């Protein structure tokens, strides 16, 4: 399967972000903790050049904790402040204020020297679709300040949100990039739901996920569905269909329904804490 999804509104969003970046002091980049490398939009590095940076590994509760810590260290080694957060239960949110002050230390000191006091830090929140930017902003603001949804493309336009006297956030639409040099990246993005599922073959997607988990987390599928397992991913899917009663007429396994169950369970963390991007 060729993984590709770059609808027209993303081109428009990138153009707008290039305009808005002139007003920005800090770029807050949300990554999915399960795929910290695959969920990094290479265009953001170019966009955020010469700006203070803060990386947030969102949905860290769904990712392998050992890998979470490795990725935090990875960014630290690159001189980028990174934090683990879970926007849904507000875990790690309190640490962000301090991280913003550290990331913007030079800007704040520069303002003081110029006699500019108490000008709020303006931060742009960026990330791929469905990474949880709006949920993060609402958790950080402590109120429903941004629209949320569990599918890509909920935030279509920009939104300025005043958090407090020290910080203003610009929420932006989730954007991918026009072409994936490595199709594994596209596959990982499809796994976590950052592409429109309607343009994907869900059975092929589930097959690839089962195949990958067989080598990285061999117990995940077996324990979730209480099956024997098999070296052939298709046979595993047949066993899941049997275990979940997914049948077509003639007692044939319903692979499409089975595939949707597997993908939904993975995305909800029901297969366990899994990190797909490994260091």
C-alpha atoms as a PDB file:
ATOM      1  CA  UNK A   1       0.000   0.000   0.000  1.00  0.00           C
ATOM      2  CA  UNK A   2       1.250   3.472  -0.898  1.00  0.00           C
ATOM      3  CA  UNK A   3       0.824   5.728   2.132  1.00  0.00           C
ATOM      4  CA  UNK A   4      -0.049   9.252   1.124  1.00  0.00           C
ATOM      5  CA  UNK A   5      -2.528  11.879   2.375  1.00  0.00           C
ATOM      6  CA  UNK A   6      -2.068  15.577   1.698  1.00  0.00           C
ATOM      7  CA  UNK A   7      -5.434  17.292   1.156  1.00  0.00           C
ATOM      8  CA  UNK A   8      -5.628  20.856  -0.145  1.00  0.00           C
ATOM      9  CA  UNK A   9      -6.328  22.492   3.214  1.00  0.00           C
ATOM     10  CA  UNK A  10      -2.845  21.432   4.405  1.00  0.00           C
ATOM     11  CA  UNK A  11      -1.144  23.458   1.639  1.00  0.00           C
ATOM     12  CA  UNK A  12      -3.188  26.472   2.728  1.00  0.00           C
ATOM     13  CA  UNK A  13      -2.354  25.841   6.397  1.00  0.00           C
ATOM     14  CA  UNK A  14       1.402  25.705   5.714  1.00  0.00           C
ATOM     15  CA  UNK A  15       1.191  28.999   3.821  1.00  0.00           C
ATOM     16  CA  UNK A  16      -0.625  30.616   6.764  1.00  0.00           C
ATOM     17  CA  UNK A  17       1.884  29.212   9.283  1.00  0.00           C
ATOM     18  CA  UNK A  18       4.764  30.734   7.298  1.00  0.00           C
ATOM     19  CA  UNK A  19       3.055  34.111   7.711  1.00  0.00           C
ATOM     20  CA  UNK A  20       2.239  33.628  11.395  1.00  0.00           C
ATOM     21  CA  UNK A  21       5.731  32.445  12.380  1.00  0.00           C
ATOM     22  CA  UNK A  22       6.896  36.082  12.171  1.00  0.00           C
ATOM     23  CA  UNK A  23       4.796  36.809  15.287  1.00  0.00           C
ATOM     24  CA  UNK A  24       6.042  33.763  17.208  1.00  0.00           C
ATOM     25  CA  UNK A  25       8.672  33.399  19.973  1.00  0.00           C
ATOM     26  CA  UNK A  26       8.315  29.677  20.650  1.00  0.00           C
ATOM     27  CA  UNK A  27       7.343  26.615  18.621  1.00  0.00           C
ATOM     28  CA  UNK A  28       5.671  23.918  20.742  1.00  0.00           C
ATOM     29  CA  UNK A  29       5.786  20.710  18.730  1.00  0.00           C
ATOM     30  CA  UNK A  30       3.526  17.864  19.783  1.00  0.00           C
ATOM     31  CA  UNK A  31       4.704  14.389  18.812  1.00  0.00           C
ATOM     32  CA  UNK A  32       2.993  11.053  19.298  1.00  0.00           C
ATOM     33  CA  UNK A  33       5.098   9.227  21.910  1.00  0.00           C
ATOM     34  CA  UNK A  34       4.562   5.934  20.062  1.00  0.00           C
ATOM     35  CA  UNK A  35       6.283   7.296  16.956  1.00  0.00           C
ATOM     36  CA  UNK A  36       8.421  10.296  18.009  1.00  0.00           C
ATOM     37  CA  UNK A  37      10.500  10.225  14.829  1.00  0.00           C
ATOM     38  CA  UNK A  38       7.761   9.375  12.323  1.00  0.00           C
ATOM     39  CA  UNK A  39       5.464  12.058  13.765  1.00  0.00           C
ATOM     40  CA  UNK A  40       8.049  14.826  13.331  1.00  0.00           C
ATOM     41  CA  UNK A  41       7.104  16.892  10.323  1.00  0.00           C
ATOM     42  CA  UNK A  42      10.403  17.835   8.610  1.00  0.00           C
ATOM     43  CA  UNK A  43       8.796  21.078   7.411  1.00  0.00           C
ATOM     44  CA  UNK A  44       8.481  22.219  11.046  1.00  0.00           C
ATOM     45  CA  UNK A  45      12.276  22.326  11.470  1.00  0.00           C
ATOM     46  CA  UNK A  46      12.472  24.687   8.538  1.00  0.00           C
ATOM     47  CA  UNK A  47       9.496  26.712   9.749  1.00  0.00           C
ATOM     48  CA  UNK A  48      10.811  27.015  13.312  1.00  0.00           C
ATOM     49  CA  UNK A  49      14.371  27.983  12.426  1.00  0.00           C
ATOM     50  CA  UNK A  50      15.793  30.578  14.870  1.00  0.00           C
ATOM     51  CA  UNK A  51      12.798  30.134  17.190  1.00  0.00           C
ATOM     52  CA  UNK A  52      12.811  28.677  20.704  1.00  0.00           C
ATOM     53  CA  UNK A  53      11.647  25.047  20.644  1.00  0.00           C
ATOM     54  CA  UNK A  54       9.763  22.765  23.009  1.00  0.00           C
ATOM     55  CA  UNK A  55       8.868  19.151  22.176  1.00  0.00           C
ATOM     56  CA  UNK A  56       5.998  17.383  23.942  1.00  0.00           C
ATOM     57  CA  UNK A  57       5.663  13.604  23.684  1.00  0.00           C
ATOM     58  CA  UNK A  58       1.883  13.346  23.886  1.00  0.00           C
ATOM     59  CA  UNK A  59      -0.037  10.106  24.548  1.00  0.00           C
ATOM     60  CA  UNK A  60       2.999   8.932  26.520  1.00  0.00           C
ATOM     61  CA  UNK A  61       0.680   6.636  28.502  1.00  0.00           C
ATOM     62  CA  UNK A  62       0.204   4.576  25.295  1.00  0.00           C
ATOM     63  CA  UNK A  63       3.951   4.263  24.657  1.00  0.00           C
ATOM     64  CA  UNK A  64       6.581   1.988  26.179  1.00  0.00           C
ATOM     65  CA  UNK A  65       7.936   3.847  29.238  1.00  0.00           C
ATOM     66  CA  UNK A  66      11.514   2.692  28.640  1.00  0.00           C
ATOM     67  CA  UNK A  67      11.353   4.118  25.128  1.00  0.00           C
ATOM     68  CA  UNK A  68       9.736   7.340  26.396  1.00  0.00           C
ATOM     69  CA  UNK A  69      12.789   8.005  28.541  1.00  0.00           C
ATOM     70  CA  UNK A  70      15.175   7.179  25.687  1.00  0.00           C
ATOM     71  CA  UNK A  71      13.419   9.652  23.396  1.00  0.00           C
ATOM     72  CA  UNK A  72      13.450  12.410  26.034  1.00  0.00           C
ATOM     73  CA  UNK A  73      17.220  11.910  26.292  1.00  0.00           C
ATOM     74  CA  UNK A  74      17.512  11.875  22.484  1.00  0.00           C
ATOM     75  CA  UNK A  75      15.997  15.371  22.232  1.00  0.00           C
ATOM     76  CA  UNK A  76      17.986  16.606  25.227  1.00  0.00           C
ATOM     77  CA  UNK A  77      21.189  15.521  23.459  1.00  0.00           C
ATOM     78  CA  UNK A  78      20.076  17.653  20.496  1.00  0.00           C
ATOM     79  CA  UNK A  79      19.618  20.672  22.753  1.00  0.00           C
ATOM     80  CA  UNK A  80      15.808  20.516  22.622  1.00  0.00           C
ATOM     81  CA  UNK A  81      13.716  20.554  25.801  1.00  0.00           C
ATOM     82  CA  UNK A  82      11.306  17.595  25.716  1.00  0.00           C
ATOM     83  CA  UNK A  83       8.595  16.477  28.143  1.00  0.00           C
ATOM     84  CA  UNK A  84       6.313  13.444  28.419  1.00  0.00           C
ATOM     85  CA  UNK A  85       2.660  14.388  28.657  1.00  0.00           C
ATOM     86  CA  UNK A  86      -0.783  12.818  28.560  1.00  0.00           C
ATOM     87  CA  UNK A  87      -3.219  15.583  27.652  1.00  0.00           C
ATOM     88  CA  UNK A  88      -6.294  13.483  28.452  1.00  0.00           C
ATOM     89  CA  UNK A  89      -5.496  13.146  32.157  1.00  0.00           C
ATOM     90  CA  UNK A  90      -3.288  16.289  32.316  1.00  0.00           C
ATOM     91  CA  UNK A  91      -0.199  14.308  33.298  1.00  0.00           C
ATOM     92  CA  UNK A  92       2.942  16.428  32.807  1.00  0.00           C
ATOM     93  CA  UNK A  93       0.968  19.599  32.020  1.00  0.00           C
ATOM     94  CA  UNK A  94       2.143  21.465  35.149  1.00  0.00           C
ATOM     95  CA  UNK A  95       5.788  21.099  34.085  1.00  0.00           C
ATOM     96  CA  UNK A  96       5.218  23.003  30.845  1.00  0.00           C
ATOM     97  CA  UNK A  97       5.190  26.536  32.312  1.00  0.00           C
ATOM     98  CA  UNK A  98       8.707  26.090  33.643  1.00  0.00           C
ATOM     99  CA  UNK A  99       9.855  24.511  30.365  1.00  0.00           C
ATOM    100  CA  UNK A 100       8.461  27.497  28.412  1.00  0.00           C
ATOM    101  CA  UNK A 101      10.401  29.917  30.634  1.00  0.00           C
ATOM    102  CA  UNK A 102      13.627  27.939  30.140  1.00  0.00           C
ATOM    103  CA  UNK A 103      13.117  27.638  26.367  1.00  0.00           C
ATOM    104  CA  UNK A 104      12.401  31.380  26.062  1.00  0.00           C
ATOM    105  CA  UNK A 105      15.026  32.571  28.550  1.00  0.00           C
ATOM    106  CA  UNK A 106      16.997  34.495  25.902  1.00  0.00           C
ATOM    107  CA  UNK A 107      13.875  36.188  24.548  1.00  0.00           C
ATOM    108  CA  UNK A 108      12.683  37.219  28.042  1.00  0.00           C
ATOM    109  CA  UNK A 109      16.116  38.623  28.955  1.00  0.00           C
ATOM    110  CA  UNK A 110      16.333  40.462  25.617  1.00  0.00           C
ATOM    111  CA  UNK A 111      12.926  42.067  26.307  1.00  0.00           C
ATOM    112  CA  UNK A 112      14.049  43.186  29.773  1.00  0.00           C
ATOM    113  CA  UNK A 113      17.139  44.882  28.365  1.00  0.00           C
ATOM    114  CA  UNK A 114      14.904  46.769  25.938  1.00  0.00           C
ATOM    115  CA  UNK A 115      12.602  47.788  28.766  1.00  0.00           C
ATOM    116  CA  UNK A 116       9.816  45.516  27.536  1.00  0.00           C
ATOM    117  CA  UNK A 117       8.303  43.954  30.629  1.00  0.00           C
ATOM    118  CA  UNK A 118       5.508  41.391  30.874  1.00  0.00           C
ATOM    119  CA  UNK A 119       5.012  40.947  27.127  1.00  0.00           C
ATOM    120  CA  UNK A 120       3.540  37.441  26.866  1.00  0.00           C
ATOM    121  CA  UNK A 121       5.441  34.690  25.088  1.00  0.00           C
ATOM    122  CA  UNK A 122       3.686  33.877  21.841  1.00  0.00           C
ATOM    123  CA  UNK A 123       3.820  30.172  21.085  1.00  0.00           C
ATOM    124  CA  UNK A 124       2.694  28.291  18.002  1.00  0.00           C
ATOM    125  CA  UNK A 125       1.403  24.769  18.687  1.00  0.00           C
ATOM    126  CA  UNK A 126       2.227  22.485  15.775  1.00  0.00           C
ATOM    127  CA  UNK A 127       1.957  18.798  14.972  1.00  0.00           C
ATOM    128  CA  UNK A 128       0.570  16.142  12.672  1.00  0.00           C
ATOM    129  CA  UNK A 129      -3.181  15.416  12.462  1.00  0.00           C
ATOM    130  CA  UNK A 130      -4.718  13.599  15.433  1.00  0.00           C
ATOM    131  CA  UNK A 131      -1.671  14.086  17.676  1.00  0.00           C
ATOM    132  CA  UNK A 132      -3.892  15.752  20.304  1.00  0.00           C
ATOM    133  CA  UNK A 133      -3.025  19.452  19.945  1.00  0.00           C
ATOM    134  CA  UNK A 134      -6.516  20.717  20.811  1.00  0.00           C
ATOM    135  CA  UNK A 135      -6.840  18.327  23.772  1.00  0.00           C
ATOM    136  CA  UNK A 136      -3.436  19.546  24.984  1.00  0.00           C
ATOM    137  CA  UNK A 137      -4.445  23.218  24.680  1.00  0.00           C
ATOM    138  CA  UNK A 138      -7.667  22.605  26.605  1.00  0.00           C
ATOM    139  CA  UNK A 139      -5.781  20.715  29.317  1.00  0.00           C
ATOM    140  CA  UNK A 140      -3.174  23.476  29.526  1.00  0.00           C
ATOM    141  CA  UNK A 141      -5.748  26.276  29.495  1.00  0.00           C
ATOM    142  CA  UNK A 142      -7.957  24.452  31.993  1.00  0.00           C
ATOM    143  CA  UNK A 143     -10.992  25.105  29.816  1.00  0.00           C
ATOM    144  CA  UNK A 144     -12.495  24.165  26.459  1.00  0.00           C
ATOM    145  CA  UNK A 145     -10.499  26.662  24.416  1.00  0.00           C
ATOM    146  CA  UNK A 146     -10.013  24.580  21.267  1.00  0.00           C
ATOM    147  CA  UNK A 147     -12.161  22.153  19.301  1.00  0.00           C
ATOM    148  CA  UNK A 148     -11.233  18.500  19.762  1.00  0.00           C
ATOM    149  CA  UNK A 149     -11.940  15.231  17.993  1.00  0.00           C
ATOM    150  CA  UNK A 150     -10.527  11.723  17.714  1.00  0.00           C
ATOM    151  CA  UNK A 151     -10.017  11.993  13.983  1.00  0.00           C
ATOM    152  CA  UNK A 152      -7.642  14.059  11.843  1.00  0.00           C
ATOM    153  CA  UNK A 153      -8.688  17.443  10.534  1.00  0.00           C
ATOM    154  CA  UNK A 154     -10.843  18.823  13.373  1.00  0.00           C
ATOM    155  CA  UNK A 155      -8.837  22.058  13.579  1.00  0.00           C
ATOM    156  CA  UNK A 156      -9.206  23.652  10.140  1.00  0.00           C
ATOM    157  CA  UNK A 157      -8.194  27.260  10.866  1.00  0.00           C
ATOM    158  CA  UNK A 158      -5.926  29.070  13.300  1.00  0.00           C
ATOM    159  CA  UNK A 159      -7.045  30.001  16.826  1.00  0.00           C
ATOM    160  CA  UNK A 160      -5.308  32.393  19.256  1.00  0.00           C
ATOM    161  CA  UNK A 161      -5.783  31.360  22.871  1.00  0.00           C
ATOM    162  CA  UNK A 162      -4.674  33.550  25.773  1.00  0.00           C
ATOM    163  CA  UNK A 163      -3.586  31.215  28.555  1.00  0.00           C
ATOM    164  CA  UNK A 164      -2.437  33.810  31.068  1.00  0.00           C
ATOM    165  CA  UNK A 165      -0.575  37.119  31.156  1.00  0.00           C
ATOM    166  CA  UNK A 166       2.684  35.319  30.303  1.00  0.00           C
ATOM    167  CA  UNK A 167       1.643  33.086  27.425  1.00  0.00           C
ATOM    168  CA  UNK A 168      -0.507  33.178  24.299  1.00  0.00           C
ATOM    169  CA  UNK A 169      -0.955  30.091  22.129  1.00  0.00           C
ATOM    170  CA  UNK A 170      -1.677  29.892  18.433  1.00  0.00           C
ATOM    171  CA  UNK A 171      -3.398  26.614  17.620  1.00  0.00           C
ATOM    172  CA  UNK A 172      -2.794  25.434  14.058  1.00  0.00           C
ATOM    173  CA  UNK A 173      -4.299  22.675  11.903  1.00  0.00           C
ATOM    174  CA  UNK A 174      -2.526  19.312  11.870  1.00  0.00           C
ATOM    175  CA  UNK A 175      -0.306  19.045   8.821  1.00  0.00           C
ATOM    176  CA  UNK A 176       1.573  16.221   7.144  1.00  0.00           C
ATOM    177  CA  UNK A 177       4.107  16.739   4.373  1.00  0.00           C
ATOM    178  CA  UNK A 178       3.592  16.136   0.643  1.00  0.00           C
ATOM    179  CA  UNK A 179       5.780  13.041   0.237  1.00  0.00           C
ATOM    180  CA  UNK A 180       7.208  10.429   2.580  1.00  0.00           C
ATOM    181  CA  UNK A 181      10.760   9.478   1.616  1.00  0.00           C
ATOM    182  CA  UNK A 182      10.355   6.338   3.704  1.00  0.00           C
ATOM    183  CA  UNK A 183       7.039   4.477   3.430  1.00  0.00           C
ATOM    184  CA  UNK A 184       7.575   3.060   6.939  1.00  0.00           C
ATOM    185  CA  UNK A 185       6.929   6.581   8.237  1.00  0.00           C
ATOM    186  CA  UNK A 186       3.671   6.723   6.277  1.00  0.00           C
ATOM    187  CA  UNK A 187       2.689   3.325   7.633  1.00  0.00           C
ATOM    188  CA  UNK A 188       3.370   4.395  11.225  1.00  0.00           C
ATOM    189  CA  UNK A 189       1.278   7.538  10.723  1.00  0.00           C
ATOM    190  CA  UNK A 190      -1.553   5.398   9.324  1.00  0.00           C
ATOM    191  CA  UNK A 191      -1.299   3.042  12.329  1.00  0.00           C
ATOM    192  CA  UNK A 192      -1.918   5.828  14.868  1.00  0.00           C
ATOM    193  CA  UNK A 193      -4.756   7.428  12.877  1.00  0.00           C
ATOM    194  CA  UNK A 194      -3.052  10.513  11.462  1.00  0.00           C
ATOM    195  CA  UNK A 195      -4.356   9.784   7.982  1.00  0.00           C
ATOM    196  CA  UNK A 196      -7.929   9.611   6.827  1.00  0.00           C
ATOM    197  CA  UNK A 197      -8.881   5.927   7.247  1.00  0.00           C
ATOM    198  CA  UNK A 198     -11.158   6.215   4.216  1.00  0.00           C
ATOM    199  CA  UNK A 199      -8.132   6.401   1.900  1.00  0.00           C
ATOM    200  CA  UNK A 200      -6.534   3.297   3.445  1.00  0.00           C
ATOM    201  CA  UNK A 201      -7.033  -0.444   3.102  1.00  0.00           C
ATOM    202  CA  UNK A 202      -7.788  -1.317   6.732  1.00  0.00           C
ATOM    203  CA  UNK A 203      -7.164  -5.058   6.215  1.00  0.00           C
ATOM    204  CA  UNK A 204      -3.710  -4.416   4.755  1.00  0.00           C
ATOM    205  CA  UNK A 205      -3.027  -1.936   7.577  1.00  0.00           C
ATOM    206  CA  UNK A 206      -3.963  -4.432  10.301  1.00  0.00           C
ATOM    207  CA  UNK A 207      -1.923  -7.142   8.558  1.00  0.00           C
ATOM    208  CA  UNK A 208       1.180  -4.912   8.609  1.00  0.00           C
ATOM    209  CA  UNK A 209       0.606  -3.998  12.263  1.00  0.00           C
ATOM    210  CA  UNK A 210       0.226  -7.657  13.309  1.00  0.00           C
ATOM    211  CA  UNK A 211       3.367  -8.486  11.327  1.00  0.00           C
ATOM    212  CA  UNK A 212       5.345  -5.705  13.030  1.00  0.00           C
ATOM    213  CA  UNK A 213       4.124  -6.534  16.531  1.00  0.00           C
ATOM    214  CA  UNK A 214       5.103 -10.191  16.054  1.00  0.00           C
ATOM    215  CA  UNK A 215       8.756  -9.134  16.203  1.00  0.00           C
ATOM    216  CA  UNK A 216       8.600  -6.156  18.594  1.00  0.00           C
ATOM    217  CA  UNK A 217       5.803  -7.041  21.051  1.00  0.00           C
ATOM    218  CA  UNK A 218       5.041 -10.736  20.398  1.00  0.00           C
ATOM    219  CA  UNK A 219       2.673 -11.093  23.377  1.00  0.00           C
ATOM    220  CA  UNK A 220       0.525  -8.037  22.572  1.00  0.00           C
ATOM    221  CA  UNK A 221      -1.984  -9.609  20.162  1.00  0.00           C
ATOM    222  CA  UNK A 222      -1.837 -13.107  21.686  1.00  0.00           C
ATOM    223  CA  UNK A 223      -2.675 -11.892  25.201  1.00  0.00           C
ATOM    224  CA  UNK A 224      -5.300  -9.355  24.142  1.00  0.00           C
ATOM    225  CA  UNK A 225      -7.373 -11.875  22.169  1.00  0.00           C
ATOM    226  CA  UNK A 226      -6.344 -15.008  24.071  1.00  0.00           C
ATOM    227  CA  UNK A 227      -5.206 -16.829  20.946  1.00  0.00           C
ATOM    228  CA  UNK A 228      -2.353 -19.235  20.243  1.00  0.00           C
ATOM    229  CA  UNK A 229      -0.590 -16.994  17.759  1.00  0.00           C
ATOM    230  CA  UNK A 230       1.110 -17.960  14.509  1.00  0.00           C
ATOM    231  CA  UNK A 231       4.137 -16.841  12.488  1.00  0.00           C
ATOM    232  CA  UNK A 232       1.846 -15.928   9.583  1.00  0.00           C
ATOM    233  CA  UNK A 233       0.047 -12.589  10.320  1.00  0.00           C
ATOM    234  CA  UNK A 234      -2.949 -13.687   8.248  1.00  0.00           C
ATOM    235  CA  UNK A 235      -3.403 -16.792  10.400  1.00  0.00           C
ATOM    236  CA  UNK A 236      -3.228 -14.570  13.478  1.00  0.00           C
ATOM    237  CA  UNK A 237      -6.000 -12.416  12.012  1.00  0.00           C
ATOM    238  CA  UNK A 238      -8.094 -15.534  11.349  1.00  0.00           C
ATOM    239  CA  UNK A 239      -7.645 -16.500  15.018  1.00  0.00           C
ATOM    240  CA  UNK A 240      -8.696 -13.010  16.153  1.00  0.00           C
ATOM    241  CA  UNK A 241     -11.771 -13.247  13.892  1.00  0.00           C
ATOM    242  CA  UNK A 242     -12.663 -16.564  15.534  1.00  0.00           C
ATOM    243  CA  UNK A 243     -12.069 -15.210  19.041  1.00  0.00           C
ATOM    244  CA  UNK A 244     -14.205 -12.118  18.398  1.00  0.00           C
ATOM    245  CA  UNK A 245     -16.923 -13.908  16.422  1.00  0.00           C
ATOM    246  CA  UNK A 246     -16.299 -11.911  13.242  1.00  0.00           C
ATOM    247  CA  UNK A 247     -18.037 -14.084  10.634  1.00  0.00           C
ATOM    248  CA  UNK A 248     -19.475 -13.621   7.166  1.00  0.00           C
ATOM    249  CA  UNK A 249     -22.116 -15.824   5.530  1.00  0.00           C
ATOM    250  CA  UNK A 250     -20.905 -19.377   5.119  1.00  0.00           C
ATOM    251  CA  UNK A 251     -18.923 -19.105   8.365  1.00  0.00           C
ATOM    252  CA  UNK A 252     -16.077 -17.278   6.586  1.00  0.00           C
ATOM    253  CA  UNK A 253     -13.941 -14.927   8.723  1.00  0.00           C
ATOM    254  CA  UNK A 254     -14.825 -11.249   8.354  1.00  0.00           C
ATOM    255  CA  UNK A 255     -11.322  -9.815   7.955  1.00  0.00           C
ATOM    256  CA  UNK A 256     -12.473  -6.219   7.495  1.00  0.00           C
ATOM    257  CA  UNK A 257     -14.361  -6.198  10.793  1.00  0.00           C
ATOM    258  CA  UNK A 258     -11.471  -8.019  12.486  1.00  0.00           C
ATOM    259  CA  UNK A 259      -9.001  -5.475  11.121  1.00  0.00           C
ATOM    260  CA  UNK A 260     -11.045  -2.561  12.469  1.00  0.00           C
ATOM    261  CA  UNK A 261     -11.089  -4.189  15.913  1.00  0.00           C
ATOM    262  CA  UNK A 262      -7.298  -4.667  15.871  1.00  0.00           C
ATOM    263  CA  UNK A 263      -6.647  -1.073  14.738  1.00  0.00           C
ATOM    264  CA  UNK A 264      -9.101   0.418  17.251  1.00  0.00           C
ATOM    265  CA  UNK A 265      -7.577  -1.634  20.072  1.00  0.00           C
ATOM    266  CA  UNK A 266      -4.048  -0.581  19.139  1.00  0.00           C
ATOM    267  CA  UNK A 267      -4.966   3.103  18.938  1.00  0.00           C
ATOM    268  CA  UNK A 268      -6.752   2.944  22.296  1.00  0.00           C
ATOM    269  CA  UNK A 269      -3.768   1.264  23.983  1.00  0.00           C
ATOM    270  CA  UNK A 270      -5.644  -1.997  24.554  1.00  0.00           C
ATOM    271  CA  UNK A 271      -2.755  -4.028  23.102  1.00  0.00           C
ATOM    272  CA  UNK A 272      -0.475  -2.611  25.789  1.00  0.00           C
ATOM    273  CA  UNK A 273       2.074   0.212  25.851  1.00  0.00           C
ATOM    274  CA  UNK A 274       3.778   0.095  22.486  1.00  0.00           C
ATOM    275  CA  UNK A 275       6.450   2.250  20.851  1.00  0.00           C
ATOM    276  CA  UNK A 276       6.991   1.658  17.138  1.00  0.00           C
ATOM    277  CA  UNK A 277       9.915   4.061  16.606  1.00  0.00           C
ATOM    278  CA  UNK A 278      12.919   2.539  18.345  1.00  0.00           C
ATOM    279  CA  UNK A 279      16.305   4.076  19.118  1.00  0.00           C
END
